């Protein structure tokens, strides 16, 4: 089975993390595992998502990033990564006091089989953000850890001021993370396709799934754009990693399966890019290569297709030693 993305959901108290989580949980035909913080004797956050997820795993005793050795996060991930649960994603909803940098490290170095980092989603309160989180001369360090910033509660800001707030967040965050992605919303209603795929639309065995971009009955969110490119033969790893390390503008995710010719064999790999995090793993037996899907908001479809198509052009002969070393380095980092 493909590794399950573990998505960290962070944000200041009251920014709308649980609202966004409930929006993701309402996504049709989706199975999401949830890890929440538990403060005191009553697990308020878990209560808000109760009934929408099987056996939410809760962590007692305070903020995830402050607990020794992950404070039970590893145990929760092991439990939720069990293939029998057939999860599409795992969401770690951190306390409003949690440090995104520490959470990113905990997830990235968890060494739990069957999971992979799925990005850090930092929720921003459009009304109070610059009075609470980003009130200093320098942008906060948390911007550097996030892969996606969601500027939430825009409905509580005068319409004429909304664009300026989003632009200010984007500019401040870019000082810490030039490749940061920022989306604006109300009620936490982001496109779930930016974060994970739904199993109900998985298609044929051996192919990576992508949720069909069909209108939902409640029109709760604007769908993400998706560009799919296929090719035959074996790809040049250098061309592939040039694309992954410098994706087209607005592309937040890239996923797919590619074939690479080694000395005497052809091997296929699953490719996942989330934000700036690259994950490479062995493809399932019988997987169909080559195929890459680029996902993001407001994509220049023609430009994205041209870039992805260039990375999937068949290589002449086997991959160079330098390209294979580059591939091996990413595989080790992903293991």
Protein backbone atom coordinates (compact mmCIF):
# COMPACT_ATOMS: atom_id res chain seq x y z
CA UNK A 1 0.00 0.00 0.00
CA UNK A 2 1.10 3.59 -0.60
CA UNK A 3 2.43 5.51 2.39
CA UNK A 4 -0.27 7.54 4.15
CA UNK A 5 0.34 11.31 4.25
CA UNK A 6 0.54 12.74 7.77
CA UNK A 7 -0.69 16.34 7.69
CA UNK A 8 0.07 18.61 10.63
CA UNK A 9 -2.63 21.20 11.30
CA UNK A 10 -1.28 24.14 13.30
CA UNK A 11 -2.40 27.66 14.11
CA UNK A 12 -2.90 30.11 16.96
CA UNK A 13 -5.74 29.57 19.41
CA UNK A 14 -9.06 30.34 17.73
CA UNK A 15 -7.67 30.53 14.20
CA UNK A 16 -10.06 27.82 13.00
CA UNK A 17 -8.06 24.57 13.00
CA UNK A 18 -10.94 22.37 14.16
CA UNK A 19 -13.32 24.07 11.73
CA UNK A 20 -10.93 23.25 8.88
CA UNK A 21 -10.54 19.68 10.16
CA UNK A 22 -14.30 19.17 10.24
CA UNK A 23 -14.48 20.48 6.67
CA UNK A 24 -11.94 17.84 5.59
CA UNK A 25 -13.85 15.14 7.46
CA UNK A 26 -17.03 15.99 5.57
CA UNK A 27 -15.28 15.28 2.28
CA UNK A 28 -17.25 12.45 0.63
CA UNK A 29 -15.85 8.92 0.43
CA UNK A 30 -12.81 9.77 2.51
CA UNK A 31 -11.27 8.02 5.51
CA UNK A 32 -9.15 10.27 7.72
CA UNK A 33 -7.37 9.36 10.92
CA UNK A 34 -7.12 12.14 13.50
CA UNK A 35 -4.60 12.82 16.26
CA UNK A 36 -5.62 15.60 18.65
CA UNK A 37 -4.21 17.19 21.77
CA UNK A 38 -5.98 16.56 25.05
CA UNK A 39 -5.89 19.32 27.66
CA UNK A 40 -7.31 18.58 31.08
CA UNK A 41 -9.84 15.88 31.85
CA UNK A 42 -12.20 16.74 28.99
CA UNK A 43 -10.96 16.30 25.43
CA UNK A 44 -12.80 19.21 23.84
CA UNK A 45 -11.13 18.94 20.41
CA UNK A 46 -11.82 15.23 20.10
CA UNK A 47 -15.44 15.90 21.06
CA UNK A 48 -15.85 18.28 18.14
CA UNK A 49 -14.84 15.59 15.65
CA UNK A 50 -16.50 12.68 17.44
CA UNK A 51 -18.73 10.58 15.22
CA UNK A 52 -16.93 11.59 12.04
CA UNK A 53 -13.82 9.46 12.37
CA UNK A 54 -13.12 5.94 13.64
CA UNK A 55 -11.37 5.91 17.02
CA UNK A 56 -9.62 9.28 17.03
CA UNK A 57 -6.23 8.95 18.70
CA UNK A 58 -5.77 11.56 21.41
CA UNK A 59 -2.62 12.64 23.23
CA UNK A 60 -3.00 13.73 26.83
CA UNK A 61 -0.75 16.01 28.81
CA UNK A 62 -0.32 19.10 26.69
CA UNK A 63 1.26 20.20 23.48
CA UNK A 64 2.62 17.52 21.16
CA UNK A 65 5.93 19.25 20.56
CA UNK A 66 6.71 19.47 24.30
CA UNK A 67 6.13 15.84 25.23
CA UNK A 68 9.19 13.55 25.56
CA UNK A 69 9.97 11.47 22.45
CA UNK A 70 6.82 12.68 20.74
CA UNK A 71 4.69 11.99 23.80
CA UNK A 72 2.69 9.21 22.20
CA UNK A 73 2.57 10.64 18.70
CA UNK A 74 4.52 7.65 17.40
CA UNK A 75 2.12 5.20 19.03
CA UNK A 76 -0.85 7.04 17.54
CA UNK A 77 0.69 6.97 14.06
CA UNK A 78 1.47 3.27 14.31
CA UNK A 79 -2.15 2.61 15.27
CA UNK A 80 -3.59 4.70 12.46
CA UNK A 81 -1.11 3.46 9.82
CA UNK A 82 -2.47 -0.08 10.13
CA UNK A 83 -3.44 -1.01 6.53
CA UNK A 84 -6.69 -2.52 7.82
CA UNK A 85 -7.96 1.01 8.53
CA UNK A 86 -7.63 1.94 4.83
CA UNK A 87 -6.96 5.60 5.64
CA UNK A 88 -6.44 8.21 2.94
CA UNK A 89 -4.69 10.63 5.30
CA UNK A 90 -3.81 11.26 8.94
CA UNK A 91 -4.31 14.74 10.38
CA UNK A 92 -2.42 15.79 13.51
CA UNK A 93 -4.36 18.71 14.97
CA UNK A 94 -1.88 20.45 17.24
CA UNK A 95 -2.65 22.70 20.13
CA UNK A 96 -2.70 26.43 19.48
CA UNK A 97 0.42 26.62 21.63
CA UNK A 98 2.34 24.06 19.57
CA UNK A 99 5.43 25.00 17.59
CA UNK A 100 5.10 24.08 13.88
CA UNK A 101 8.89 23.68 13.58
CA UNK A 102 8.98 21.06 16.35
CA UNK A 103 5.93 19.27 14.97
CA UNK A 104 7.49 19.12 11.52
CA UNK A 105 10.57 17.47 13.02
CA UNK A 106 8.52 14.96 14.99
CA UNK A 107 6.59 13.85 11.93
CA UNK A 108 9.57 13.98 9.57
CA UNK A 109 11.74 11.82 11.84
CA UNK A 110 9.05 9.52 13.23
CA UNK A 111 10.45 6.41 11.42
CA UNK A 112 6.95 4.92 11.36
CA UNK A 113 6.48 2.50 8.49
CA UNK A 114 3.61 3.20 6.15
CA UNK A 115 3.44 6.98 6.61
CA UNK A 116 5.09 9.99 5.02
CA UNK A 117 5.06 13.75 5.72
CA UNK A 118 2.02 15.34 4.13
CA UNK A 119 2.84 18.97 4.86
CA UNK A 120 2.30 21.54 7.61
CA UNK A 121 -0.94 23.50 7.24
CA UNK A 122 -0.82 26.66 9.36
CA UNK A 123 -4.19 28.37 9.88
CA UNK A 124 -4.12 32.15 10.24
CA UNK A 125 -6.84 34.30 11.81
CA UNK A 126 -7.27 37.15 9.31
CA UNK A 127 -8.70 39.42 12.02
CA UNK A 128 -6.13 39.04 14.80
CA UNK A 129 -3.03 37.54 13.15
CA UNK A 130 -0.95 40.72 13.09
CA UNK A 131 -1.85 41.56 16.69
CA UNK A 132 -0.96 38.12 18.05
CA UNK A 133 1.24 35.84 15.94
CA UNK A 134 3.05 38.21 13.55
CA UNK A 135 3.45 41.37 15.61
CA UNK A 136 7.25 41.77 15.63
CA UNK A 137 9.72 43.41 13.30
CA UNK A 138 10.83 40.05 11.87
CA UNK A 139 8.45 37.44 10.47
CA UNK A 140 7.89 34.57 12.94
CA UNK A 141 9.94 31.40 12.45
CA UNK A 142 6.75 29.33 12.11
CA UNK A 143 6.39 30.63 8.54
CA UNK A 144 9.50 28.71 7.59
CA UNK A 145 8.06 25.36 8.74
CA UNK A 146 4.68 25.66 7.02
CA UNK A 147 4.07 24.28 3.55
CA UNK A 148 0.60 25.83 3.26
CA UNK A 149 -0.81 28.88 5.05
CA UNK A 150 -4.60 29.20 5.20
CA UNK A 151 -5.75 32.77 5.83
CA UNK A 152 -9.09 32.05 7.51
CA UNK A 153 -12.04 34.17 8.71
CA UNK A 154 -11.86 36.60 5.80
CA UNK A 155 -15.62 37.08 6.11
CA UNK A 156 -14.92 38.95 9.36
CA UNK A 157 -12.74 41.51 7.56
CA UNK A 158 -14.16 44.42 5.51
CA UNK A 159 -14.23 43.37 1.86
CA UNK A 160 -11.95 46.19 0.76
CA UNK A 161 -9.20 45.08 3.18
CA UNK A 162 -9.14 41.34 2.42
CA UNK A 163 -6.72 41.34 -0.52
CA UNK A 164 -4.25 43.50 1.40
CA UNK A 165 -4.26 41.14 4.39
CA UNK A 166 -3.62 38.09 2.21
CA UNK A 167 -0.85 39.92 0.37
CA UNK A 168 0.76 41.01 3.65
CA UNK A 169 0.73 37.44 5.00
CA UNK A 170 2.20 36.18 1.73
CA UNK A 171 4.98 38.76 1.69
CA UNK A 172 5.88 38.23 5.34
CA UNK A 173 5.87 34.45 5.01
CA UNK A 174 7.98 34.58 1.84
CA UNK A 175 10.80 36.17 3.83
CA UNK A 176 11.09 32.89 5.74
CA UNK A 177 9.98 30.55 2.98
CA UNK A 178 10.15 31.77 -0.64
CA UNK A 179 8.13 28.75 -1.82
CA UNK A 180 5.29 29.16 0.65
CA UNK A 181 1.75 28.62 -0.62
CA UNK A 182 -1.04 30.83 0.74
CA UNK A 183 -4.77 30.33 0.26
CA UNK A 184 -7.58 32.52 1.56
CA UNK A 185 -10.89 31.23 2.83
CA UNK A 186 -13.74 31.46 5.30
CA UNK A 187 -14.87 28.65 7.57
CA UNK A 188 -11.73 26.64 6.82
CA UNK A 189 -13.17 25.61 3.46
CA UNK A 190 -10.03 24.77 1.51
CA UNK A 191 -9.91 22.30 -1.35
CA UNK A 192 -9.15 18.89 0.21
CA UNK A 193 -7.49 17.86 -3.06
CA UNK A 194 -4.56 20.06 -2.08
CA UNK A 195 -3.80 17.67 0.78
CA UNK A 196 -4.89 14.13 -0.04
CA UNK A 197 -6.72 11.77 -2.40
CA UNK A 198 -9.96 9.95 -1.71
CA UNK A 199 -9.89 6.15 -1.91
CA UNK A 200 -13.32 5.89 -3.53
CA UNK A 201 -11.93 7.23 -6.81
CA UNK A 202 -8.71 5.24 -6.78
CA UNK A 203 -9.28 3.72 -10.21
CA UNK A 204 -7.25 0.78 -11.43
CA UNK A 205 -4.82 -1.12 -9.22
CA UNK A 206 -1.31 0.23 -9.57
CA UNK A 207 -2.36 3.77 -10.38
CA UNK A 208 -2.30 6.68 -7.97
CA UNK A 209 -5.73 8.06 -7.23
CA UNK A 210 -7.01 11.59 -7.70
CA UNK A 211 -10.40 12.79 -6.54
CA UNK A 212 -12.54 13.58 -9.59
CA UNK A 213 -13.11 17.30 -9.86
CA UNK A 214 -16.89 16.99 -9.86
CA UNK A 215 -19.09 19.65 -8.21
CA UNK A 216 -20.22 18.75 -4.71
CA UNK A 217 -23.83 19.07 -3.72
CA UNK A 218 -23.10 21.71 -1.10
CA UNK A 219 -20.49 23.74 -3.03
CA UNK A 220 -18.45 24.06 0.15
CA UNK A 221 -15.18 24.87 -1.51
CA UNK A 222 -13.48 25.78 -4.77
CA UNK A 223 -11.77 22.76 -6.27
CA UNK A 224 -8.06 22.67 -6.97
CA UNK A 225 -6.72 22.47 -10.51
CA UNK A 226 -5.04 19.27 -11.69
CA UNK A 227 -2.81 18.63 -14.70
CA UNK A 228 -2.02 15.03 -15.66
CA UNK A 229 0.83 14.08 -18.00
CA UNK A 230 1.82 10.60 -19.18
CA UNK A 231 4.72 9.19 -21.17
CA UNK A 232 6.38 5.88 -22.03
CA UNK A 233 9.87 4.52 -21.54
CA UNK A 234 12.19 5.61 -18.72
CA UNK A 235 12.68 9.14 -17.45
CA UNK A 236 15.87 11.04 -16.72
CA UNK A 237 16.08 11.42 -12.89
CA UNK A 238 17.90 14.73 -13.29
CA UNK A 239 15.00 16.19 -15.30
CA UNK A 240 12.53 14.79 -12.76
CA UNK A 241 14.29 16.27 -9.73
CA UNK A 242 14.81 19.60 -11.48
CA UNK A 243 11.01 19.74 -11.71
CA UNK A 244 10.45 18.61 -8.10
CA UNK A 245 12.98 21.04 -6.67
CA UNK A 246 11.61 23.96 -8.69
CA UNK A 247 7.95 23.22 -9.52
CA UNK A 248 5.79 25.55 -11.60
CA UNK A 249 4.15 28.49 -9.79
CA UNK A 250 1.11 27.62 -7.66
CA UNK A 251 1.79 23.86 -7.85
CA UNK A 252 1.50 22.63 -4.26
CA UNK A 253 1.52 18.88 -4.92
CA UNK A 254 3.10 16.64 -7.53
CA UNK A 255 2.47 12.91 -7.46
CA UNK A 256 2.85 9.95 -9.72
CA UNK A 257 4.87 6.94 -10.76
CA UNK A 258 7.99 7.01 -12.91
CA UNK A 259 10.30 4.38 -14.38
CA UNK A 260 14.09 4.72 -14.25
CA UNK A 261 16.62 2.58 -16.11
CA UNK A 262 19.52 1.44 -13.96
CA UNK A 263 22.42 -0.60 -15.31
CA UNK A 264 20.55 -3.77 -16.22
CA UNK A 265 17.10 -3.23 -14.78
CA UNK A 266 14.16 -0.84 -14.90
CA UNK A 267 12.72 0.21 -11.55
CA UNK A 268 9.55 2.19 -10.87
CA UNK A 269 9.16 4.73 -8.08
CA UNK A 270 6.28 6.55 -6.42
CA UNK A 271 6.90 10.30 -6.40
CA UNK A 272 5.28 12.75 -3.98
CA UNK A 273 5.96 16.45 -3.60
CA UNK A 274 4.13 18.50 -0.95
CA UNK A 275 5.20 22.11 -0.74
CA UNK A 276 8.97 21.72 -0.78
CA UNK A 277 9.10 18.20 0.71
CA UNK A 278 10.04 15.43 -1.75
CA UNK A 279 9.26 11.78 -1.00
CA UNK A 280 10.43 8.90 -3.22
CA UNK A 281 9.51 5.26 -2.60
CA UNK A 282 9.28 1.95 -4.45
CA UNK A 283 6.21 1.60 -6.65
CA UNK A 284 3.80 -1.30 -6.16
CA UNK A 285 4.36 -4.30 -8.40
CA UNK A 286 2.55 -3.83 -11.69
CA UNK A 287 2.30 -0.05 -11.29
CA UNK A 288 1.85 1.86 -14.52
CA UNK A 289 4.55 4.41 -15.33
CA UNK A 290 5.04 7.16 -16.32
CA UNK A 291 2.37 9.46 -14.95
CA UNK A 292 2.61 12.70 -12.98
CA UNK A 293 -0.24 14.83 -11.63
CA UNK A 294 0.37 18.47 -10.67
CA UNK A 295 -2.15 19.97 -8.22
CA UNK A 296 -2.61 23.54 -7.09
CA UNK A 297 -4.85 26.59 -7.13
CA UNK A 298 -5.24 28.85 -10.18
CA UNK A 299 -2.68 26.99 -12.28
CA UNK A 300 -1.45 28.17 -15.68
CA UNK A 301 -2.45 24.81 -17.15
CA UNK A 302 -0.51 25.09 -20.40
CA UNK A 303 2.70 26.18 -18.68
CA UNK A 304 2.40 23.48 -16.03
CA UNK A 305 1.74 20.81 -18.64
CA UNK A 306 4.80 21.87 -20.62
CA UNK A 307 7.07 21.71 -17.56
CA UNK A 308 5.80 18.30 -16.44
CA UNK A 309 5.92 16.93 -19.98
CA UNK A 310 9.56 18.01 -20.23
CA UNK A 311 10.41 16.07 -17.08
CA UNK A 312 8.74 12.92 -18.42
CA UNK A 313 10.47 12.81 -21.79
CA UNK A 314 12.04 9.37 -22.41
CA UNK A 315 15.74 9.21 -21.58
CA UNK A 316 18.19 7.86 -24.12
CA UNK A 317 19.91 4.90 -22.48
CA UNK A 318 20.38 4.35 -18.78
CA UNK A 319 20.48 7.15 -16.22
CA UNK A 320 23.83 8.77 -15.52
CA UNK A 321 25.76 7.96 -12.35
CA UNK A 322 25.15 11.50 -11.11
CA UNK A 323 21.40 11.21 -11.69
CA UNK A 324 21.26 7.86 -9.88
CA UNK A 325 23.16 9.30 -6.92
CA UNK A 326 20.60 12.09 -6.79
CA UNK A 327 17.82 9.49 -6.83
CA UNK A 328 19.48 7.42 -4.10
CA UNK A 329 19.88 10.50 -1.90
CA UNK A 330 16.15 11.27 -2.05
CA UNK A 331 15.28 7.62 -1.46
CA UNK A 332 17.44 7.57 1.69
CA UNK A 333 15.86 10.78 2.93
CA UNK A 334 12.42 9.29 2.30
CA UNK A 335 13.10 5.93 3.97
